[in-house]
N, C-alpha and C. Protein backbone atom coordinates (compact mmCIF):
# COMPACT_ATOMS: atom_id res chain seq x y z
N MET A 1 -74.51 -58.48 55.86
CA MET A 1 -74.12 -58.33 54.49
C MET A 1 -72.60 -58.46 54.40
N LYS A 2 -72.12 -59.04 53.33
CA LYS A 2 -70.69 -59.27 53.14
C LYS A 2 -70.18 -58.40 52.00
N ALA A 3 -68.89 -58.08 52.07
CA ALA A 3 -68.24 -57.31 51.01
C ALA A 3 -66.91 -57.96 50.68
N GLN A 4 -66.44 -57.73 49.44
CA GLN A 4 -65.16 -58.27 49.02
C GLN A 4 -64.24 -57.13 48.60
N CYS A 5 -63.04 -57.13 49.15
CA CYS A 5 -62.05 -56.10 48.84
C CYS A 5 -61.45 -56.38 47.46
N PRO A 6 -61.44 -55.39 46.56
CA PRO A 6 -60.85 -55.61 45.24
C PRO A 6 -59.33 -55.64 45.27
N LYS A 7 -58.72 -55.14 46.32
CA LYS A 7 -57.26 -55.07 46.40
C LYS A 7 -56.65 -56.37 46.92
N CYS A 8 -57.19 -56.91 48.02
CA CYS A 8 -56.61 -58.12 48.60
C CYS A 8 -57.51 -59.35 48.47
N GLY A 9 -58.78 -59.16 48.13
CA GLY A 9 -59.68 -60.28 47.86
C GLY A 9 -60.36 -60.91 49.06
N VAL A 10 -60.15 -60.38 50.26
CA VAL A 10 -60.81 -60.99 51.42
C VAL A 10 -62.29 -60.62 51.46
N ILE A 11 -63.07 -61.49 52.06
CA ILE A 11 -64.51 -61.27 52.21
C ILE A 11 -64.77 -61.08 53.70
N PHE A 12 -65.49 -60.01 54.05
CA PHE A 12 -65.72 -59.69 55.45
C PHE A 12 -67.13 -59.17 55.64
N GLU A 13 -67.58 -59.20 56.89
CA GLU A 13 -68.89 -58.67 57.24
C GLU A 13 -68.81 -57.15 57.22
N THR A 14 -69.78 -56.51 56.58
CA THR A 14 -69.76 -55.06 56.49
C THR A 14 -70.53 -54.44 57.64
N PRO A 15 -70.01 -53.33 58.14
CA PRO A 15 -70.77 -52.61 59.16
C PRO A 15 -71.90 -51.83 58.50
N TRP A 16 -73.02 -51.70 59.17
CA TRP A 16 -74.11 -50.89 58.63
C TRP A 16 -73.93 -49.47 59.14
N HIS A 17 -73.99 -48.53 58.22
CA HIS A 17 -73.89 -47.13 58.61
C HIS A 17 -74.69 -46.31 57.60
N PRO A 18 -75.53 -45.40 58.03
CA PRO A 18 -76.41 -44.68 57.11
C PRO A 18 -75.67 -43.72 56.17
N THR A 19 -74.42 -43.38 56.48
CA THR A 19 -73.71 -42.41 55.63
C THR A 19 -72.69 -43.06 54.70
N LEU A 20 -72.70 -44.38 54.57
CA LEU A 20 -71.78 -45.01 53.63
C LEU A 20 -72.13 -44.60 52.20
N VAL A 21 -71.12 -44.14 51.47
CA VAL A 21 -71.33 -43.76 50.08
C VAL A 21 -71.50 -45.04 49.26
N HIS A 22 -72.55 -45.09 48.45
CA HIS A 22 -72.77 -46.30 47.66
C HIS A 22 -73.36 -45.97 46.30
N ILE A 23 -73.11 -46.88 45.37
CA ILE A 23 -73.69 -46.84 44.03
C ILE A 23 -74.17 -48.27 43.76
N GLY A 24 -75.46 -48.48 43.85
CA GLY A 24 -76.00 -49.84 43.67
C GLY A 24 -75.44 -50.77 44.73
N SER A 25 -74.74 -51.82 44.29
CA SER A 25 -74.17 -52.77 45.25
C SER A 25 -72.72 -52.44 45.60
N LEU A 26 -72.19 -51.34 45.09
CA LEU A 26 -70.84 -50.91 45.44
C LEU A 26 -70.90 -49.92 46.60
N LYS A 27 -70.03 -50.11 47.58
CA LYS A 27 -69.96 -49.19 48.71
C LYS A 27 -68.51 -48.80 48.94
N TYR A 28 -68.31 -47.53 49.31
CA TYR A 28 -66.97 -47.04 49.60
C TYR A 28 -66.69 -47.29 51.08
N MET A 29 -65.72 -48.17 51.36
CA MET A 29 -65.38 -48.49 52.74
C MET A 29 -63.94 -48.95 52.83
N LYS A 30 -63.47 -49.10 54.05
CA LYS A 30 -62.10 -49.50 54.32
C LYS A 30 -62.04 -50.99 54.62
N CYS A 31 -61.09 -51.67 54.00
CA CYS A 31 -60.91 -53.10 54.22
C CYS A 31 -60.21 -53.33 55.56
N PRO A 32 -60.73 -54.23 56.41
CA PRO A 32 -60.08 -54.48 57.70
C PRO A 32 -58.79 -55.28 57.56
N ALA A 33 -58.61 -55.97 56.45
CA ALA A 33 -57.42 -56.80 56.27
C ALA A 33 -56.22 -56.00 55.77
N CYS A 34 -56.41 -55.23 54.69
CA CYS A 34 -55.27 -54.51 54.11
C CYS A 34 -55.27 -53.03 54.44
N GLY A 35 -56.39 -52.51 54.93
CA GLY A 35 -56.45 -51.11 55.33
C GLY A 35 -56.69 -50.13 54.20
N LYS A 36 -56.91 -50.60 52.99
CA LYS A 36 -57.14 -49.72 51.85
C LYS A 36 -58.62 -49.40 51.72
N SER A 37 -58.92 -48.16 51.34
CA SER A 37 -60.30 -47.75 51.11
C SER A 37 -60.60 -47.74 49.62
N SER A 38 -61.73 -48.30 49.24
CA SER A 38 -62.13 -48.33 47.83
C SER A 38 -63.60 -48.70 47.73
N MET A 39 -64.12 -48.66 46.50
CA MET A 39 -65.49 -49.10 46.24
C MET A 39 -65.47 -50.63 46.24
N MET A 40 -66.28 -51.24 47.09
CA MET A 40 -66.30 -52.69 47.23
C MET A 40 -67.67 -53.25 46.90
N HIS A 41 -67.67 -54.42 46.28
CA HIS A 41 -68.92 -55.12 45.98
C HIS A 41 -69.50 -55.68 47.27
N THR A 42 -70.79 -55.46 47.48
CA THR A 42 -71.47 -56.01 48.66
C THR A 42 -72.47 -57.06 48.20
N GLY A 43 -73.01 -57.79 49.15
CA GLY A 43 -73.97 -58.84 48.82
C GLY A 43 -73.28 -60.10 48.32
N ILE A 44 -72.05 -60.33 48.71
CA ILE A 44 -71.29 -61.50 48.30
C ILE A 44 -71.87 -62.74 48.97
N LYS A 45 -72.01 -63.83 48.24
CA LYS A 45 -72.59 -65.06 48.76
C LYS A 45 -71.55 -66.01 49.34
N ASP A 46 -70.26 -65.81 49.04
CA ASP A 46 -69.21 -66.70 49.53
C ASP A 46 -69.04 -66.58 51.04
N GLU A 47 -68.30 -67.51 51.62
CA GLU A 47 -68.08 -67.48 53.06
C GLU A 47 -67.06 -66.41 53.44
N VAL A 48 -67.15 -65.94 54.66
CA VAL A 48 -66.26 -64.89 55.16
C VAL A 48 -64.85 -65.44 55.30
N THR A 49 -63.86 -64.69 54.79
CA THR A 49 -62.46 -65.11 54.89
C THR A 49 -61.67 -64.22 55.83
N TRP A 50 -62.29 -63.19 56.38
CA TRP A 50 -61.59 -62.31 57.32
C TRP A 50 -62.46 -62.09 58.54
N PRO A 51 -62.02 -62.16 59.74
CA PRO A 51 -60.64 -62.46 60.14
C PRO A 51 -60.36 -63.95 60.03
N ARG A 52 -59.13 -64.25 59.75
CA ARG A 52 -58.71 -65.66 59.66
C ARG A 52 -58.61 -66.22 61.07
N THR A 53 -58.89 -67.51 61.21
CA THR A 53 -58.81 -68.13 62.54
C THR A 53 -57.63 -69.08 62.57
N ASN A 54 -57.01 -69.20 63.75
CA ASN A 54 -55.91 -70.16 63.90
C ASN A 54 -56.43 -71.46 64.49
N ALA A 55 -55.55 -72.40 64.76
CA ALA A 55 -55.95 -73.73 65.22
C ALA A 55 -56.64 -73.69 66.59
N THR A 56 -56.32 -72.71 67.42
CA THR A 56 -56.92 -72.66 68.76
C THR A 56 -58.27 -71.96 68.76
N GLY A 57 -58.73 -71.50 67.61
CA GLY A 57 -60.03 -70.87 67.54
C GLY A 57 -59.97 -69.36 67.61
N GLY A 58 -58.80 -68.82 67.92
CA GLY A 58 -58.64 -67.36 67.99
C GLY A 58 -58.41 -66.79 66.60
N THR A 59 -58.44 -65.49 66.51
CA THR A 59 -58.21 -64.85 65.22
C THR A 59 -56.84 -64.20 65.21
N GLU A 60 -56.23 -64.18 64.06
CA GLU A 60 -54.94 -63.53 63.90
C GLU A 60 -54.83 -62.98 62.49
N LYS A 61 -54.02 -61.98 62.34
CA LYS A 61 -53.83 -61.37 61.03
C LYS A 61 -52.64 -62.06 60.36
N VAL A 62 -52.92 -62.87 59.35
CA VAL A 62 -51.90 -63.60 58.63
C VAL A 62 -51.80 -63.02 57.22
N LYS A 63 -50.60 -62.58 56.85
CA LYS A 63 -50.41 -62.01 55.52
C LYS A 63 -49.53 -62.94 54.69
N SER A 64 -49.84 -63.05 53.41
CA SER A 64 -49.03 -63.86 52.52
C SER A 64 -47.77 -63.08 52.15
N GLU A 65 -46.84 -63.75 51.51
CA GLU A 65 -45.59 -63.11 51.08
C GLU A 65 -45.88 -61.97 50.11
N ALA A 66 -46.84 -62.17 49.22
CA ALA A 66 -47.19 -61.13 48.24
C ALA A 66 -47.77 -59.91 48.94
N GLU A 67 -48.60 -60.12 49.96
CA GLU A 67 -49.19 -59.01 50.70
C GLU A 67 -48.12 -58.23 51.46
N LEU A 68 -47.16 -58.96 52.05
CA LEU A 68 -46.07 -58.30 52.77
C LEU A 68 -45.20 -57.48 51.82
N LEU A 69 -44.92 -58.03 50.63
CA LEU A 69 -44.13 -57.31 49.64
C LEU A 69 -44.88 -56.07 49.16
N ASP A 70 -46.18 -56.19 48.89
CA ASP A 70 -46.98 -55.04 48.49
C ASP A 70 -46.99 -53.96 49.57
N GLN A 71 -47.06 -54.38 50.82
CA GLN A 71 -47.07 -53.43 51.93
C GLN A 71 -45.73 -52.70 52.02
N ARG A 72 -44.62 -53.43 51.84
CA ARG A 72 -43.31 -52.79 51.88
C ARG A 72 -43.14 -51.80 50.73
N ILE A 73 -43.61 -52.17 49.55
CA ILE A 73 -43.52 -51.28 48.39
C ILE A 73 -44.36 -50.03 48.61
N GLU A 74 -45.58 -50.22 49.11
CA GLU A 74 -46.48 -49.09 49.36
C GLU A 74 -45.89 -48.14 50.39
N SER A 75 -45.34 -48.66 51.47
CA SER A 75 -44.79 -47.79 52.51
C SER A 75 -43.49 -47.14 52.07
N SER A 76 -42.74 -47.76 51.16
CA SER A 76 -41.48 -47.16 50.72
C SER A 76 -41.70 -45.96 49.80
N LYS A 77 -42.89 -45.80 49.26
CA LYS A 77 -43.18 -44.65 48.40
C LYS A 77 -43.07 -43.34 49.15
N TYR A 78 -43.29 -43.40 50.47
CA TYR A 78 -43.34 -42.18 51.26
C TYR A 78 -42.06 -41.92 52.05
N GLU A 79 -41.06 -42.82 51.89
CA GLU A 79 -39.79 -42.62 52.58
C GLU A 79 -38.92 -41.68 51.77
N ARG A 80 -38.02 -41.01 52.47
CA ARG A 80 -37.06 -40.12 51.79
C ARG A 80 -35.68 -40.65 51.93
């Protein structure tokens, strides 16, 4: 089963676990790409976009400029 993160938009394979909190097709889980936890839509028909693969066939975590900026803003909230 696939899920889509509402924060970063990636589609990934969901782990099956009997204690996942869910409401219909929404499940509360953590996104492997951005690390945020939220209610995510499951049963997505689109192709998986996470993890991204590079030219050699391996996987790597590639973030866009917007994602890097969002991450810097989010982490700066907790700095003093």
